[in-house]
PDB file of N, CA and C in Angstrom:
ATOM      1  N   UNK A   1       7.092  -9.381  14.524  1.00  0.00           N
ATOM      2  CA  UNK A   1       5.810  -9.100  13.923  1.00  0.00           C
ATOM      3  C   UNK A   1       5.285  -7.758  14.468  1.00  0.00           C
ATOM      4  N   UNK A   2       4.677  -6.981  13.586  1.00  0.00           N
ATOM      5  CA  UNK A   2       4.067  -5.704  13.966  1.00  0.00           C
ATOM      6  C   UNK A   2       2.631  -5.708  13.481  1.00  0.00           C
ATOM      7  N   UNK A   3       1.853  -4.729  13.993  1.00  0.00           N
ATOM      8  CA  UNK A   3       0.483  -4.590  13.529  1.00  0.00           C
ATOM      9  C   UNK A   3       0.218  -3.106  13.183  1.00  0.00           C
ATOM     10  N   UNK A   4      -0.700  -2.934  12.251  1.00  0.00           N
ATOM     11  CA  UNK A   4      -1.163  -1.594  11.887  1.00  0.00           C
ATOM     12  C   UNK A   4      -2.675  -1.681  11.689  1.00  0.00           C
ATOM     13  N   UNK A   5      -3.379  -0.681  12.233  1.00  0.00           N
ATOM     14  CA  UNK A   5      -4.835  -0.658  12.140  1.00  0.00           C
ATOM     15  C   UNK A   5      -5.290   0.441  11.205  1.00  0.00           C
ATOM     16  N   UNK A   6      -6.155   0.084  10.284  1.00  0.00           N
ATOM     17  CA  UNK A   6      -6.776   1.061   9.386  1.00  0.00           C
ATOM     18  C   UNK A   6      -8.253   1.109   9.743  1.00  0.00           C
ATOM     19  N   UNK A   7      -8.846   2.304   9.720  1.00  0.00           N
ATOM     20  CA  UNK A   7     -10.267   2.435  10.050  1.00  0.00           C
ATOM     21  C   UNK A   7     -10.873   3.642   9.359  1.00  0.00           C
ATOM     22  N   UNK A   8     -12.077   3.477   8.833  1.00  0.00           N
ATOM     23  CA  UNK A   8     -12.789   4.613   8.253  1.00  0.00           C
ATOM     24  C   UNK A   8     -13.345   5.519   9.314  1.00  0.00           C
ATOM     25  N   UNK A   9     -13.387   5.034  10.533  1.00  0.00           N
ATOM     26  CA  UNK A   9     -13.919   5.801  11.689  1.00  0.00           C
ATOM     27  C   UNK A   9     -13.075   7.053  11.955  1.00  0.00           C
ATOM     28  N   UNK A  10     -11.795   7.002  11.671  1.00  0.00           N
ATOM     29  CA  UNK A  10     -10.907   8.150  11.936  1.00  0.00           C
ATOM     30  C   UNK A  10     -10.717   9.031  10.721  1.00  0.00           C
ATOM     31  N   UNK A  11     -11.414   8.748   9.630  1.00  0.00           N
ATOM     32  CA  UNK A  11     -11.299   9.558   8.414  1.00  0.00           C
ATOM     33  C   UNK A  11     -12.248  10.758   8.479  1.00  0.00           C
ATOM     34  N   UNK A  12     -11.931  11.795   7.722  1.00  0.00           N
ATOM     35  CA  UNK A  12     -12.852  12.949   7.688  1.00  0.00           C
ATOM     36  C   UNK A  12     -14.175  12.540   7.046  1.00  0.00           C
ATOM     37  N   UNK A  13     -15.208  13.275   7.325  1.00  0.00           N
ATOM     38  CA  UNK A  13     -16.520  13.005   6.759  1.00  0.00           C
ATOM     39  C   UNK A  13     -16.505  13.119   5.223  1.00  0.00           C
ATOM     40  N   UNK A  14     -16.896  12.093   4.558  1.00  0.00           N
ATOM     41  CA  UNK A  14     -16.999  12.060   3.094  1.00  0.00           C
ATOM     42  C   UNK A  14     -18.211  11.201   2.775  1.00  0.00           C
ATOM     43  N   UNK A  15     -18.581  11.201   1.508  1.00  0.00           N
ATOM     44  CA  UNK A  15     -19.666  10.289   1.156  1.00  0.00           C
ATOM     45  C   UNK A  15     -19.137   8.848   1.302  1.00  0.00           C
ATOM     46  N   UNK A  16     -20.039   7.922   1.472  1.00  0.00           N
ATOM     47  CA  UNK A  16     -19.674   6.535   1.795  1.00  0.00           C
ATOM     48  C   UNK A  16     -18.742   5.922   0.779  1.00  0.00           C
ATOM     49  N   UNK A  17     -19.006   6.121  -0.484  1.00  0.00           N
ATOM     50  CA  UNK A  17     -18.168   5.537  -1.557  1.00  0.00           C
ATOM     51  C   UNK A  17     -16.737   6.073  -1.514  1.00  0.00           C
ATOM     52  N   UNK A  18     -16.592   7.408  -1.411  1.00  0.00           N
ATOM     53  CA  UNK A  18     -15.282   8.023  -1.376  1.00  0.00           C
ATOM     54  C   UNK A  18     -14.491   7.559  -0.166  1.00  0.00           C
ATOM     55  N   UNK A  19     -15.157   7.487   0.956  1.00  0.00           N
ATOM     56  CA  UNK A  19     -14.473   7.041   2.192  1.00  0.00           C
ATOM     57  C   UNK A  19     -13.970   5.603   2.057  1.00  0.00           C
ATOM     58  N   UNK A  20     -14.781   4.717   1.463  1.00  0.00           N
ATOM     59  CA  UNK A  20     -14.367   3.347   1.309  1.00  0.00           C
ATOM     60  C   UNK A  20     -13.216   3.226   0.321  1.00  0.00           C
ATOM     61  N   UNK A  21     -13.273   3.967  -0.791  1.00  0.00           N
ATOM     62  CA  UNK A  21     -12.181   3.936  -1.764  1.00  0.00           C
ATOM     63  C   UNK A  21     -10.878   4.447  -1.143  1.00  0.00           C
ATOM     64  N   UNK A  22     -10.928   5.509  -0.381  1.00  0.00           N
ATOM     65  CA  UNK A  22      -9.770   6.043   0.298  1.00  0.00           C
ATOM     66  C   UNK A  22      -9.176   5.011   1.268  1.00  0.00           C
ATOM     67  N   UNK A  23     -10.048   4.350   2.026  1.00  0.00           N
ATOM     68  CA  UNK A  23      -9.634   3.301   2.968  1.00  0.00           C
ATOM     69  C   UNK A  23      -8.932   2.171   2.211  1.00  0.00           C
ATOM     70  N   UNK A  24      -9.563   1.748   1.132  1.00  0.00           N
ATOM     71  CA  UNK A  24      -9.007   0.656   0.326  1.00  0.00           C
ATOM     72  C   UNK A  24      -7.661   1.047  -0.274  1.00  0.00           C
ATOM     73  N   UNK A  25      -7.511   2.251  -0.786  1.00  0.00           N
ATOM     74  CA  UNK A  25      -6.249   2.717  -1.371  1.00  0.00           C
ATOM     75  C   UNK A  25      -5.127   2.811  -0.337  1.00  0.00           C
ATOM     76  N   UNK A  26      -5.446   3.330   0.860  1.00  0.00           N
ATOM     77  CA  UNK A  26      -4.432   3.388   1.927  1.00  0.00           C
ATOM     78  C   UNK A  26      -3.977   2.012   2.337  1.00  0.00           C
ATOM     79  N   UNK A  27      -4.908   1.090   2.434  1.00  0.00           N
ATOM     80  CA  UNK A  27      -4.590  -0.276   2.818  1.00  0.00           C
ATOM     81  C   UNK A  27      -3.701  -0.942   1.734  1.00  0.00           C
ATOM     82  N   UNK A  28      -4.091  -0.831   0.490  1.00  0.00           N
ATOM     83  CA  UNK A  28      -3.307  -1.402  -0.604  1.00  0.00           C
ATOM     84  C   UNK A  28      -1.931  -0.807  -0.705  1.00  0.00           C
ATOM     85  N   UNK A  29      -1.831   0.495  -0.513  1.00  0.00           N
ATOM     86  CA  UNK A  29      -0.516   1.161  -0.574  1.00  0.00           C
ATOM     87  C   UNK A  29       0.395   0.636   0.539  1.00  0.00           C
ATOM     88  N   UNK A  30      -0.137   0.478   1.742  1.00  0.00           N
ATOM     89  CA  UNK A  30       0.663   0.004   2.875  1.00  0.00           C
ATOM     90  C   UNK A  30       1.123  -1.458   2.648  1.00  0.00           C
ATOM     91  N   UNK A  31       0.193  -2.320   2.277  1.00  0.00           N
ATOM     92  CA  UNK A  31       0.584  -3.759   2.158  1.00  0.00           C
ATOM     93  C   UNK A  31       1.529  -3.995   0.985  1.00  0.00           C
ATOM     94  N   UNK A  32       1.657  -3.074   0.051  1.00  0.00           N
ATOM     95  CA  UNK A  32       2.598  -3.255  -1.019  1.00  0.00           C
ATOM     96  C   UNK A  32       4.022  -3.003  -0.572  1.00  0.00           C
ATOM     97  N   UNK A  33       4.213  -2.407   0.621  1.00  0.00           N
ATOM     98  CA  UNK A  33       5.549  -2.062   1.107  1.00  0.00           C
ATOM     99  C   UNK A  33       6.066  -2.973   2.190  1.00  0.00           C
ATOM    100  N   UNK A  34       5.256  -3.944   2.637  1.00  0.00           N
ATOM    101  CA  UNK A  34       5.657  -4.805   3.755  1.00  0.00           C
ATOM    102  C   UNK A  34       5.368  -6.261   3.399  1.00  0.00           C
ATOM    103  N   UNK A  35       5.888  -7.166   4.217  1.00  0.00           N
ATOM    104  CA  UNK A  35       5.565  -8.605   4.080  1.00  0.00           C
ATOM    105  C   UNK A  35       4.383  -8.887   5.025  1.00  0.00           C
ATOM    106  N   UNK A  36       3.219  -9.123   4.392  1.00  0.00           N
ATOM    107  CA  UNK A  36       1.979  -9.321   5.156  1.00  0.00           C
ATOM    108  C   UNK A  36       1.903 -10.735   5.709  1.00  0.00           C
ATOM    109  N   UNK A  37       1.615 -10.859   6.992  1.00  0.00           N
ATOM    110  CA  UNK A  37       1.396 -12.135   7.643  1.00  0.00           C
ATOM    111  C   UNK A  37      -0.071 -12.518   7.577  1.00  0.00           C
ATOM    112  N   UNK A  38      -0.934 -11.555   7.925  1.00  0.00           N
ATOM    113  CA  UNK A  38      -2.369 -11.800   7.958  1.00  0.00           C
ATOM    114  C   UNK A  38      -3.101 -10.493   7.957  1.00  0.00           C
ATOM    115  N   UNK A  39      -4.360 -10.464   7.509  1.00  0.00           N
ATOM    116  CA  UNK A  39      -5.212  -9.285   7.582  1.00  0.00           C
ATOM    117  C   UNK A  39      -6.573  -9.711   8.156  1.00  0.00           C
ATOM    118  N   UNK A  40      -7.004  -9.003   9.202  1.00  0.00           N
ATOM    119  CA  UNK A  40      -8.290  -9.219   9.791  1.00  0.00           C
ATOM    120  C   UNK A  40      -9.182  -8.040   9.434  1.00  0.00           C
ATOM    121  N   UNK A  41     -10.336  -8.290   8.890  1.00  0.00           N
ATOM    122  CA  UNK A  41     -11.222  -7.244   8.403  1.00  0.00           C
ATOM    123  C   UNK A  41     -12.521  -7.242   9.221  1.00  0.00           C
ATOM    124  N   UNK A  42     -13.040  -6.051   9.515  1.00  0.00           N
ATOM    125  CA  UNK A  42     -14.238  -5.948  10.325  1.00  0.00           C
ATOM    126  C   UNK A  42     -15.097  -4.797   9.787  1.00  0.00           C
ATOM    127  N   UNK A  43     -16.449  -4.990   9.931  1.00  0.00           N
ATOM    128  CA  UNK A  43     -17.381  -3.912   9.575  1.00  0.00           C
ATOM    129  C   UNK A  43     -18.361  -3.768  10.739  1.00  0.00           C
ATOM    130  N   UNK A  44     -18.906  -2.564  10.842  1.00  0.00           N
ATOM    131  CA  UNK A  44     -19.977  -2.304  11.818  1.00  0.00           C
ATOM    132  C   UNK A  44     -20.889  -1.240  11.216  1.00  0.00           C
ATOM    133  N   UNK A  45     -22.125  -1.251  11.645  1.00  0.00           N
ATOM    134  CA  UNK A  45     -23.082  -0.236  11.179  1.00  0.00           C
ATOM    135  C   UNK A  45     -24.039   0.112  12.315  1.00  0.00           C
ATOM    136  N   UNK A  46     -24.605   1.311  12.228  1.00  0.00           N
ATOM    137  CA  UNK A  46     -25.537   1.765  13.257  1.00  0.00           C
ATOM    138  C   UNK A  46     -26.495   2.771  12.629  1.00  0.00           C
ATOM    139  N   UNK A  47     -27.671   2.840  13.238  1.00  0.00           N
ATOM    140  CA  UNK A  47     -28.697   3.813  12.830  1.00  0.00           C
ATOM    141  C   UNK A  47     -29.035   4.648  14.055  1.00  0.00           C
ATOM    142  N   UNK A  48     -29.067   5.943  13.877  1.00  0.00           N
ATOM    143  CA  UNK A  48     -29.413   6.866  14.958  1.00  0.00           C
ATOM    144  C   UNK A  48     -30.626   7.663  14.521  1.00  0.00           C
ATOM    145  N   UNK A  49     -31.615   7.790  15.386  1.00  0.00           N
ATOM    146  CA  UNK A  49     -32.840   8.509  15.081  1.00  0.00           C
ATOM    147  C   UNK A  49     -33.040   9.615  16.105  1.00  0.00           C
ATOM    148  N   UNK A  50     -33.226  10.841  15.622  1.00  0.00           N
ATOM    149  CA  UNK A  50     -33.509  11.967  16.484  1.00  0.00           C
ATOM    150  C   UNK A  50     -35.020  12.180  16.518  1.00  0.00           C
ATOM    151  N   UNK A  51     -35.666  11.958  17.661  1.00  0.00           N
ATOM    152  CA  UNK A  51     -37.116  12.011  17.776  1.00  0.00           C
ATOM    153  C   UNK A  51     -37.643  13.431  17.581  1.00  0.00           C
ATOM    154  N   UNK A  52     -36.842  14.449  17.882  1.00  0.00           N
ATOM    155  CA  UNK A  52     -37.328  15.827  17.748  1.00  0.00           C
ATOM    156  C   UNK A  52     -37.307  16.316  16.301  1.00  0.00           C
ATOM    157  N   UNK A  53     -36.264  15.940  15.566  1.00  0.00           N
ATOM    158  CA  UNK A  53     -36.173  16.405  14.184  1.00  0.00           C
ATOM    159  C   UNK A  53     -36.578  15.316  13.183  1.00  0.00           C
ATOM    160  N   UNK A  54     -36.834  14.129  13.663  1.00  0.00           N
ATOM    161  CA  UNK A  54     -37.193  12.975  12.833  1.00  0.00           C
ATOM    162  C   UNK A  54     -36.095  12.684  11.784  1.00  0.00           C
ATOM    163  N   UNK A  55     -34.889  12.978  12.123  1.00  0.00           N
ATOM    164  CA  UNK A  55     -33.764  12.736  11.218  1.00  0.00           C
ATOM    165  C   UNK A  55     -33.144  11.391  11.529  1.00  0.00           C
ATOM    166  N   UNK A  56     -32.916  10.611  10.503  1.00  0.00           N
ATOM    167  CA  UNK A  56     -32.216   9.322  10.646  1.00  0.00           C
ATOM    168  C   UNK A  56     -30.784   9.500  10.151  1.00  0.00           C
ATOM    169  N   UNK A  57     -29.877   8.950  10.861  1.00  0.00           N
ATOM    170  CA  UNK A  57     -28.472   8.984  10.448  1.00  0.00           C
ATOM    171  C   UNK A  57     -27.926   7.569  10.452  1.00  0.00           C
ATOM    172  N   UNK A  58     -27.374   7.159   9.340  1.00  0.00           N
ATOM    173  CA  UNK A  58     -26.775   5.857   9.177  1.00  0.00           C
ATOM    174  C   UNK A  58     -25.283   5.991   9.246  1.00  0.00           C
ATOM    175  N   UNK A  59     -24.631   5.173  10.035  1.00  0.00           N
ATOM    176  CA  UNK A  59     -23.158   5.179  10.147  1.00  0.00           C
ATOM    177  C   UNK A  59     -22.631   3.783   9.865  1.00  0.00           C
ATOM    178  N   UNK A  60     -21.560   3.746   9.086  1.00  0.00           N
ATOM    179  CA  UNK A  60     -20.871   2.456   8.899  1.00  0.00           C
ATOM    180  C   UNK A  60     -19.371   2.678   9.099  1.00  0.00           C
ATOM    181  N   UNK A  61     -18.702   1.608   9.467  1.00  0.00           N
ATOM    182  CA  UNK A  61     -17.274   1.676   9.740  1.00  0.00           C
ATOM    183  C   UNK A  61     -16.623   0.413   9.210  1.00  0.00           C
ATOM    184  N   UNK A  62     -15.550   0.598   8.505  1.00  0.00           N
ATOM    185  CA  UNK A  62     -14.723  -0.503   8.012  1.00  0.00           C
ATOM    186  C   UNK A  62     -13.378  -0.409   8.698  1.00  0.00           C
ATOM    187  N   UNK A  63     -12.844  -1.519   9.133  1.00  0.00           N
ATOM    188  CA  UNK A  63     -11.520  -1.524   9.730  1.00  0.00           C
ATOM    189  C   UNK A  63     -10.766  -2.768   9.352  1.00  0.00           C
ATOM    190  N   UNK A  64      -9.435  -2.655   9.348  1.00  0.00           N
ATOM    191  CA  UNK A  64      -8.568  -3.765   9.032  1.00  0.00           C
ATOM    192  C   UNK A  64      -7.365  -3.746   9.962  1.00  0.00           C
ATOM    193  N   UNK A  65      -6.992  -4.916  10.478  1.00  0.00           N
ATOM    194  CA  UNK A  65      -5.807  -5.063  11.271  1.00  0.00           C
ATOM    195  C   UNK A  65      -4.835  -5.849  10.405  1.00  0.00           C
ATOM    196  N   UNK A  66      -3.693  -5.252  10.120  1.00  0.00           N
ATOM    197  CA  UNK A  66      -2.673  -5.888   9.280  1.00  0.00           C
ATOM    198  C   UNK A  66      -1.518  -6.325  10.168  1.00  0.00           C
ATOM    199  N   UNK A  67      -1.245  -7.634  10.138  1.00  0.00           N
ATOM    200  CA  UNK A  67      -0.060  -8.165  10.834  1.00  0.00           C
ATOM    201  C   UNK A  67       1.024  -8.322   9.759  1.00  0.00           C
ATOM    202  N   UNK A  68       2.191  -7.776  10.074  1.00  0.00           N
ATOM    203  CA  UNK A  68       3.245  -7.727   9.055  1.00  0.00           C
ATOM    204  C   UNK A  68       4.631  -7.786   9.644  1.00  0.00           C
ATOM    205  N   UNK A  69       5.585  -8.005   8.748  1.00  0.00           N
ATOM    206  CA  UNK A  69       7.029  -7.890   9.050  1.00  0.00           C
ATOM    207  C   UNK A  69       7.641  -6.863   8.108  1.00  0.00           C
ATOM    208  N   UNK A  70       8.610  -6.124   8.601  1.00  0.00           N
ATOM    209  CA  UNK A  70       9.256  -5.127   7.720  1.00  0.00           C
ATOM    210  C   UNK A  70      10.268  -5.770   6.856  1.00  0.00           C
TER     211      UNK A  70
END
């Protein structure tokens, strides 16, 4: 058994929809080439506020751990 981790955290900055679609496409492309044993999916989100500029920044991250056999 082997594992492969996919994460939007390591992707270049894009708008949220494009980043998620890219993540989904990479995951689907990979699992079509191997025998999948299991997939564990995780999400996280955070809000950052800069008191000096009053700017809010929202971050989200999607990740998947794929357990597979070649």
